Amino acid sequence: MRGVEVSTEDAKRRDLIMDLLCHMRVQVPETMGDVHAQLQDAIAEGLMKKDGDEYLVTELGRPFIRSLATAFDTHFQSQKTARHSRAV
């Protein structure tokens, strides 16, 4: 077998990342408290804003969209060493 088996949680998070990257907006379920906390930091920095139950990427946040998406990626967050280039 090739590849990695994707759990239900991974699939949900993948769909949220795709929504964020493709539409510059995402609706985060309340069950993902870890994501809400990280996105609050992005709001404080002016990279995102909240409109009802959606998080929207601001013009200031567009260049940082890949960094914003890491809030949803539990595998990325658990890595101890850098595997990709860091955002400046």
N, C-alpha and C. Protein backbone atom coordinates (compact mmCIF):
# COMPACT_ATOMS: atom_id res chain seq x y z
N MET A 1 0.84 -1.18 0.00
CA MET A 1 0.00 0.00 0.00
C MET A 1 0.89 1.24 0.00
N ARG A 2 0.50 2.23 -0.77
CA ARG A 2 1.25 3.48 -0.84
C ARG A 2 0.48 4.59 -0.14
N GLY A 3 1.21 5.58 0.30
CA GLY A 3 0.56 6.75 0.89
C GLY A 3 0.32 6.59 2.37
N VAL A 4 -0.53 7.45 2.86
CA VAL A 4 -0.84 7.51 4.28
C VAL A 4 -2.36 7.42 4.43
N GLU A 5 -2.79 6.63 5.37
CA GLU A 5 -4.22 6.54 5.65
C GLU A 5 -4.67 7.84 6.32
N VAL A 6 -5.74 8.40 5.82
CA VAL A 6 -6.24 9.67 6.34
C VAL A 6 -7.40 9.40 7.29
N SER A 7 -7.27 9.91 8.52
CA SER A 7 -8.34 9.74 9.50
C SER A 7 -9.49 10.70 9.18
N THR A 8 -10.61 10.48 9.82
CA THR A 8 -11.77 11.36 9.63
C THR A 8 -11.43 12.78 10.06
N GLU A 9 -10.70 12.92 11.16
CA GLU A 9 -10.30 14.24 11.65
C GLU A 9 -9.36 14.93 10.66
N ASP A 10 -8.41 14.16 10.11
CA ASP A 10 -7.50 14.72 9.10
C ASP A 10 -8.27 15.20 7.88
N ALA A 11 -9.27 14.44 7.46
CA ALA A 11 -10.07 14.81 6.28
C ALA A 11 -10.84 16.09 6.54
N LYS A 12 -11.40 16.24 7.75
CA LYS A 12 -12.13 17.47 8.10
C LYS A 12 -11.18 18.67 8.06
N ARG A 13 -10.01 18.49 8.65
CA ARG A 13 -9.04 19.59 8.68
C ARG A 13 -8.53 19.91 7.27
N ARG A 14 -8.35 18.89 6.44
CA ARG A 14 -7.93 19.12 5.05
C ARG A 14 -8.97 19.96 4.32
N ASP A 15 -10.25 19.65 4.51
CA ASP A 15 -11.32 20.41 3.86
C ASP A 15 -11.33 21.86 4.33
N LEU A 16 -11.08 22.08 5.61
CA LEU A 16 -11.03 23.46 6.12
C LEU A 16 -9.84 24.22 5.54
N ILE A 17 -8.71 23.55 5.42
CA ILE A 17 -7.53 24.18 4.82
C ILE A 17 -7.83 24.55 3.37
N MET A 18 -8.47 23.67 2.63
CA MET A 18 -8.82 23.95 1.24
C MET A 18 -9.77 25.14 1.14
N ASP A 19 -10.76 25.20 2.03
CA ASP A 19 -11.67 26.35 2.04
C ASP A 19 -10.91 27.64 2.27
N LEU A 20 -10.00 27.62 3.24
CA LEU A 20 -9.23 28.81 3.55
C LEU A 20 -8.36 29.24 2.37
N LEU A 21 -7.62 28.29 1.78
CA LEU A 21 -6.71 28.62 0.70
C LEU A 21 -7.45 29.03 -0.59
N CYS A 22 -8.57 28.41 -0.87
CA CYS A 22 -9.28 28.67 -2.12
C CYS A 22 -10.24 29.86 -2.04
N HIS A 23 -10.87 30.04 -0.88
CA HIS A 23 -11.92 31.05 -0.76
C HIS A 23 -11.58 32.20 0.17
N MET A 24 -10.42 32.12 0.82
CA MET A 24 -9.97 33.16 1.76
C MET A 24 -10.95 33.34 2.93
N ARG A 25 -11.68 32.28 3.22
CA ARG A 25 -12.62 32.29 4.34
C ARG A 25 -12.82 30.86 4.81
N VAL A 26 -13.19 30.71 6.06
CA VAL A 26 -13.40 29.36 6.59
C VAL A 26 -14.36 29.43 7.77
N GLN A 27 -15.19 28.41 7.89
CA GLN A 27 -16.10 28.25 9.01
C GLN A 27 -15.54 27.13 9.89
N VAL A 28 -15.11 27.45 11.08
CA VAL A 28 -14.45 26.49 11.96
C VAL A 28 -15.45 25.94 12.97
N PRO A 29 -15.59 24.61 13.06
CA PRO A 29 -16.49 24.04 14.06
C PRO A 29 -16.05 24.40 15.48
N GLU A 30 -17.01 24.53 16.38
CA GLU A 30 -16.71 24.88 17.77
C GLU A 30 -15.85 23.82 18.45
N THR A 31 -15.88 22.60 17.93
CA THR A 31 -15.12 21.51 18.55
C THR A 31 -13.61 21.67 18.34
N MET A 32 -13.20 22.58 17.47
CA MET A 32 -11.78 22.80 17.21
C MET A 32 -11.29 24.03 17.96
N GLY A 33 -11.32 23.93 19.28
CA GLY A 33 -10.91 25.04 20.12
C GLY A 33 -9.47 25.48 19.91
N ASP A 34 -8.60 24.51 19.58
CA ASP A 34 -7.20 24.84 19.34
C ASP A 34 -7.06 25.78 18.15
N VAL A 35 -7.86 25.57 17.13
CA VAL A 35 -7.80 26.41 15.93
C VAL A 35 -8.34 27.80 16.25
N HIS A 36 -9.44 27.87 16.98
CA HIS A 36 -10.01 29.17 17.34
C HIS A 36 -8.99 30.02 18.09
N ALA A 37 -8.26 29.41 19.00
CA ALA A 37 -7.26 30.15 19.78
C ALA A 37 -6.17 30.70 18.87
N GLN A 38 -5.69 29.91 17.93
CA GLN A 38 -4.64 30.37 17.03
C GLN A 38 -5.15 31.46 16.08
N LEU A 39 -6.39 31.33 15.63
CA LEU A 39 -6.93 32.34 14.73
C LEU A 39 -7.19 33.66 15.45
N GLN A 40 -7.41 33.61 16.75
CA GLN A 40 -7.56 34.85 17.52
C GLN A 40 -6.26 35.65 17.47
N ASP A 41 -5.13 34.96 17.49
CA ASP A 41 -3.83 35.65 17.35
C ASP A 41 -3.74 36.34 15.98
N ALA A 42 -4.22 35.65 14.92
CA ALA A 42 -4.20 36.22 13.58
C ALA A 42 -5.12 37.44 13.49
N ILE A 43 -6.23 37.41 14.19
CA ILE A 43 -7.15 38.55 14.22
C ILE A 43 -6.47 39.73 14.91
N ALA A 44 -5.81 39.46 16.03
CA ALA A 44 -5.12 40.52 16.78
C ALA A 44 -4.03 41.17 15.94
N GLU A 45 -3.43 40.41 15.04
CA GLU A 45 -2.37 40.93 14.18
C GLU A 45 -2.91 41.56 12.89
N GLY A 46 -4.23 41.52 12.70
CA GLY A 46 -4.83 42.11 11.51
C GLY A 46 -4.78 41.24 10.27
N LEU A 47 -4.43 39.95 10.43
CA LEU A 47 -4.33 39.05 9.29
C LEU A 47 -5.66 38.43 8.92
N MET A 48 -6.57 38.39 9.89
CA MET A 48 -7.91 37.84 9.68
C MET A 48 -8.91 38.70 10.43
N LYS A 49 -10.18 38.53 10.07
CA LYS A 49 -11.25 39.13 10.85
C LYS A 49 -12.37 38.11 10.95
N LYS A 50 -13.23 38.28 11.93
CA LYS A 50 -14.33 37.36 12.14
C LYS A 50 -15.63 38.05 11.73
N ASP A 51 -16.41 37.34 10.93
CA ASP A 51 -17.70 37.84 10.47
C ASP A 51 -18.73 36.77 10.79
N GLY A 52 -19.44 36.95 11.89
CA GLY A 52 -20.38 35.92 12.33
C GLY A 52 -19.62 34.68 12.75
N ASP A 53 -19.90 33.57 12.08
CA ASP A 53 -19.20 32.33 12.41
C ASP A 53 -18.09 32.00 11.40
N GLU A 54 -17.73 32.95 10.57
CA GLU A 54 -16.66 32.74 9.59
C GLU A 54 -15.43 33.58 9.91
N TYR A 55 -14.28 33.02 9.59
CA TYR A 55 -13.03 33.75 9.66
C TYR A 55 -12.66 34.15 8.23
N LEU A 56 -12.37 35.42 8.03
CA LEU A 56 -12.02 35.94 6.71
C LEU A 56 -10.59 36.44 6.71
N VAL A 57 -9.86 36.13 5.64
CA VAL A 57 -8.49 36.61 5.50
C VAL A 57 -8.54 38.06 5.01
N THR A 58 -7.81 38.94 5.67
CA THR A 58 -7.76 40.35 5.25
C THR A 58 -6.72 40.50 4.14
N GLU A 59 -6.71 41.67 3.52
CA GLU A 59 -5.70 41.95 2.49
C GLU A 59 -4.30 41.84 3.08
N LEU A 60 -4.14 42.29 4.32
CA LEU A 60 -2.85 42.18 5.00
C LEU A 60 -2.45 40.71 5.20
N GLY A 61 -3.43 39.84 5.40
CA GLY A 61 -3.15 38.43 5.67
C GLY A 61 -2.92 37.57 4.44
N ARG A 62 -3.30 38.06 3.26
CA ARG A 62 -3.18 37.24 2.05
C ARG A 62 -1.77 36.68 1.80
N PRO A 63 -0.71 37.46 1.98
CA PRO A 63 0.62 36.89 1.76
C PRO A 63 0.99 35.80 2.78
N PHE A 64 0.27 35.74 3.88
CA PHE A 64 0.57 34.80 4.95
C PHE A 64 -0.42 33.63 5.01
N ILE A 65 -1.15 33.41 3.92
CA ILE A 65 -2.23 32.42 3.91
C ILE A 65 -1.72 31.02 4.26
N ARG A 66 -0.54 30.65 3.77
CA ARG A 66 -0.02 29.31 4.09
C ARG A 66 0.30 29.19 5.57
N SER A 67 0.80 30.24 6.16
CA SER A 67 1.08 30.22 7.60
C SER A 67 -0.22 30.15 8.40
N LEU A 68 -1.25 30.84 7.94
CA LEU A 68 -2.55 30.78 8.61
C LEU A 68 -3.13 29.38 8.54
N ALA A 69 -2.92 28.69 7.43
CA ALA A 69 -3.46 27.34 7.25
C ALA A 69 -2.84 26.33 8.22
N THR A 70 -1.64 26.61 8.71
CA THR A 70 -1.00 25.67 9.63
C THR A 70 -1.75 25.54 10.95
N ALA A 71 -2.64 26.48 11.24
CA ALA A 71 -3.44 26.40 12.47
C ALA A 71 -4.32 25.14 12.45
N PHE A 72 -4.65 24.65 11.27
CA PHE A 72 -5.52 23.48 11.13
C PHE A 72 -4.75 22.17 11.07
N ASP A 73 -3.46 22.22 10.82
CA ASP A 73 -2.66 21.03 10.55
C ASP A 73 -1.99 20.51 11.81
N THR A 74 -2.58 19.50 12.42
CA THR A 74 -2.03 18.96 13.66
C THR A 74 -0.68 18.28 13.44
N HIS A 75 -0.45 17.73 12.25
CA HIS A 75 0.83 17.09 11.97
C HIS A 75 1.95 18.13 11.86
N PHE A 76 1.65 19.26 11.26
CA PHE A 76 2.64 20.33 11.14
C PHE A 76 3.00 20.87 12.52
N GLN A 77 2.00 21.04 13.37
CA GLN A 77 2.23 21.59 14.70
C GLN A 77 3.04 20.66 15.58
N SER A 78 2.97 19.34 15.34
CA SER A 78 3.67 18.39 16.20
C SER A 78 5.12 18.17 15.77
N GLN A 79 5.53 18.73 14.65
CA GLN A 79 6.90 18.55 14.18
C GLN A 79 7.85 19.38 15.04
N LYS A 80 8.92 18.77 15.44
CA LYS A 80 9.90 19.46 16.28
C LYS A 80 10.96 20.16 15.44
N THR A 81 11.19 19.65 14.23
CA THR A 81 12.20 20.26 13.35
C THR A 81 11.52 20.81 12.11
N ALA A 82 12.07 21.85 11.56
CA ALA A 82 11.51 22.47 10.37
C ALA A 82 11.71 21.57 9.16
N ARG A 83 10.65 21.43 8.35
CA ARG A 83 10.74 20.62 7.13
C ARG A 83 10.52 21.48 5.91
N HIS A 84 10.00 22.65 6.08
CA HIS A 84 9.69 23.54 4.96
C HIS A 84 10.30 24.91 5.24
N SER A 85 10.37 25.70 4.20
CA SER A 85 10.87 27.06 4.41
C SER A 85 9.88 27.82 5.28
N ARG A 86 10.41 28.64 6.14
CA ARG A 86 9.57 29.41 7.05
C ARG A 86 9.09 30.69 6.37
N ALA A 87 7.93 31.17 6.79
CA ALA A 87 7.43 32.44 6.29
C ALA A 87 8.27 33.56 6.91
N VAL A 88 8.56 34.56 6.15
CA VAL A 88 9.37 35.67 6.63
C VAL A 88 8.51 36.61 7.43
